[in-house]
Amino acid sequence: MVVGEPEVYTVVREVNDHGAATVRGDNGSTYHVAAYADEMLRAYLADLRAGDRVRMDLVRAGVRANVWKVSALYSGEPITESNR
């Protein structure tokens, strides 16, 4: 990874009614997203579908093992199945 470059994640499971989603990093690791720095980030991710790719930063959400918070999204068109 280049310093300062956002990670790219693929949506595995779309945001559900509780605001949780599952994404996979390009390194193959799976992340369970359950928190967002603000409502705009949650709404943006909720618009994506399984298979779509997005540039964002994740940080641990509390002390639970594999629960993550979206801390930033990066500008530019989301990477979707239709524009790969």
Protein backbone atom coordinates (compact mmCIF):
# COMPACT_ATOMS: atom_id res chain seq x y z
CA MET A 1 0.00 0.00 0.00
CA VAL A 2 1.22 3.50 -0.82
CA VAL A 3 1.17 5.86 2.17
CA GLY A 4 -1.76 8.25 1.86
CA GLU A 5 -3.68 6.03 -0.56
CA PRO A 6 -7.13 4.89 0.60
CA GLU A 7 -7.87 1.20 0.74
CA VAL A 8 -10.36 -0.23 -1.75
CA TYR A 9 -13.05 -2.56 -0.43
CA THR A 10 -15.64 -4.75 -2.15
CA VAL A 11 -19.13 -4.86 -0.68
CA VAL A 12 -19.91 -8.48 0.24
CA ARG A 13 -23.16 -7.90 2.14
CA GLU A 14 -25.07 -4.68 1.68
CA VAL A 15 -26.00 -2.38 4.56
CA ASN A 16 -28.89 -3.97 6.45
CA ASP A 17 -31.73 -2.43 8.51
CA HIS A 18 -29.37 -2.12 11.49
CA GLY A 19 -26.72 -0.24 9.49
CA ALA A 20 -24.27 -3.15 9.34
CA ALA A 21 -22.44 -4.26 6.20
CA THR A 22 -19.65 -6.65 5.28
CA VAL A 23 -16.79 -5.61 3.02
CA ARG A 24 -13.64 -7.37 1.82
CA GLY A 25 -10.29 -5.69 1.38
CA ASP A 26 -8.10 -6.33 -1.64
CA ASN A 27 -5.83 -8.34 0.70
CA GLY A 28 -8.70 -10.83 1.22
CA SER A 29 -9.55 -9.76 4.78
CA THR A 30 -13.24 -9.42 5.66
CA TYR A 31 -14.53 -6.52 7.77
CA HIS A 32 -17.89 -6.16 9.51
CA VAL A 33 -18.84 -2.49 9.39
CA ALA A 34 -21.20 -1.46 12.18
CA ALA A 35 -20.43 2.22 12.76
CA TYR A 36 -19.92 5.39 10.75
CA ALA A 37 -18.26 8.72 11.53
CA ASP A 38 -21.48 10.41 10.39
CA GLU A 39 -24.83 9.67 8.75
CA MET A 40 -23.58 10.75 5.30
CA LEU A 41 -21.04 7.91 5.29
CA ARG A 42 -23.71 5.37 6.25
CA ALA A 43 -26.08 6.66 3.55
CA TYR A 44 -23.35 6.51 0.91
CA LEU A 45 -22.42 2.93 1.75
CA ALA A 46 -26.12 1.99 1.91
CA ASP A 47 -26.48 2.99 -1.75
CA LEU A 48 -23.88 0.42 -2.83
CA ARG A 49 -24.70 -3.16 -3.81
CA ALA A 50 -22.84 -6.44 -3.38
CA GLY A 51 -19.89 -6.47 -5.76
CA ASP A 52 -19.47 -2.69 -5.80
CA ARG A 53 -16.07 -1.35 -4.76
CA VAL A 54 -15.42 1.76 -2.70
CA ARG A 55 -12.40 3.73 -1.49
CA MET A 56 -12.60 4.36 2.26
CA ASP A 57 -10.81 4.23 5.60
CA LEU A 58 -11.83 1.85 8.37
CA VAL A 59 -10.90 2.04 12.06
CA ARG A 60 -11.75 -0.38 14.85
CA ALA A 61 -15.13 0.30 16.45
CA GLY A 62 -14.50 -0.23 20.13
CA VAL A 63 -12.89 -3.35 21.52
CA ARG A 64 -14.82 -6.03 19.66
CA ALA A 65 -12.69 -8.27 17.47
CA ASN A 66 -13.89 -7.64 13.93
CA VAL A 67 -16.23 -4.65 14.11
CA TRP A 68 -15.21 -1.59 12.12
CA LYS A 69 -16.18 2.04 11.67
CA VAL A 70 -16.05 3.93 8.36
CA SER A 71 -13.99 7.03 9.17
CA ALA A 72 -13.65 8.48 5.65
CA LEU A 73 -14.79 8.01 2.07
CA TYR A 74 -12.81 9.31 -0.87
CA SER A 75 -14.07 11.37 -3.76
CA GLY A 76 -14.56 9.92 -7.15
CA GLU A 77 -17.07 7.62 -8.67
CA PRO A 78 -17.66 4.40 -6.73
CA ILE A 79 -16.26 1.39 -8.51
CA THR A 80 -19.37 -0.58 -9.52
CA GLU A 81 -19.92 -3.70 -11.58
CA SER A 82 -21.06 -1.50 -14.49
CA ASN A 83 -17.98 0.76 -14.65
CA ARG A 84 -15.08 -1.67 -14.06
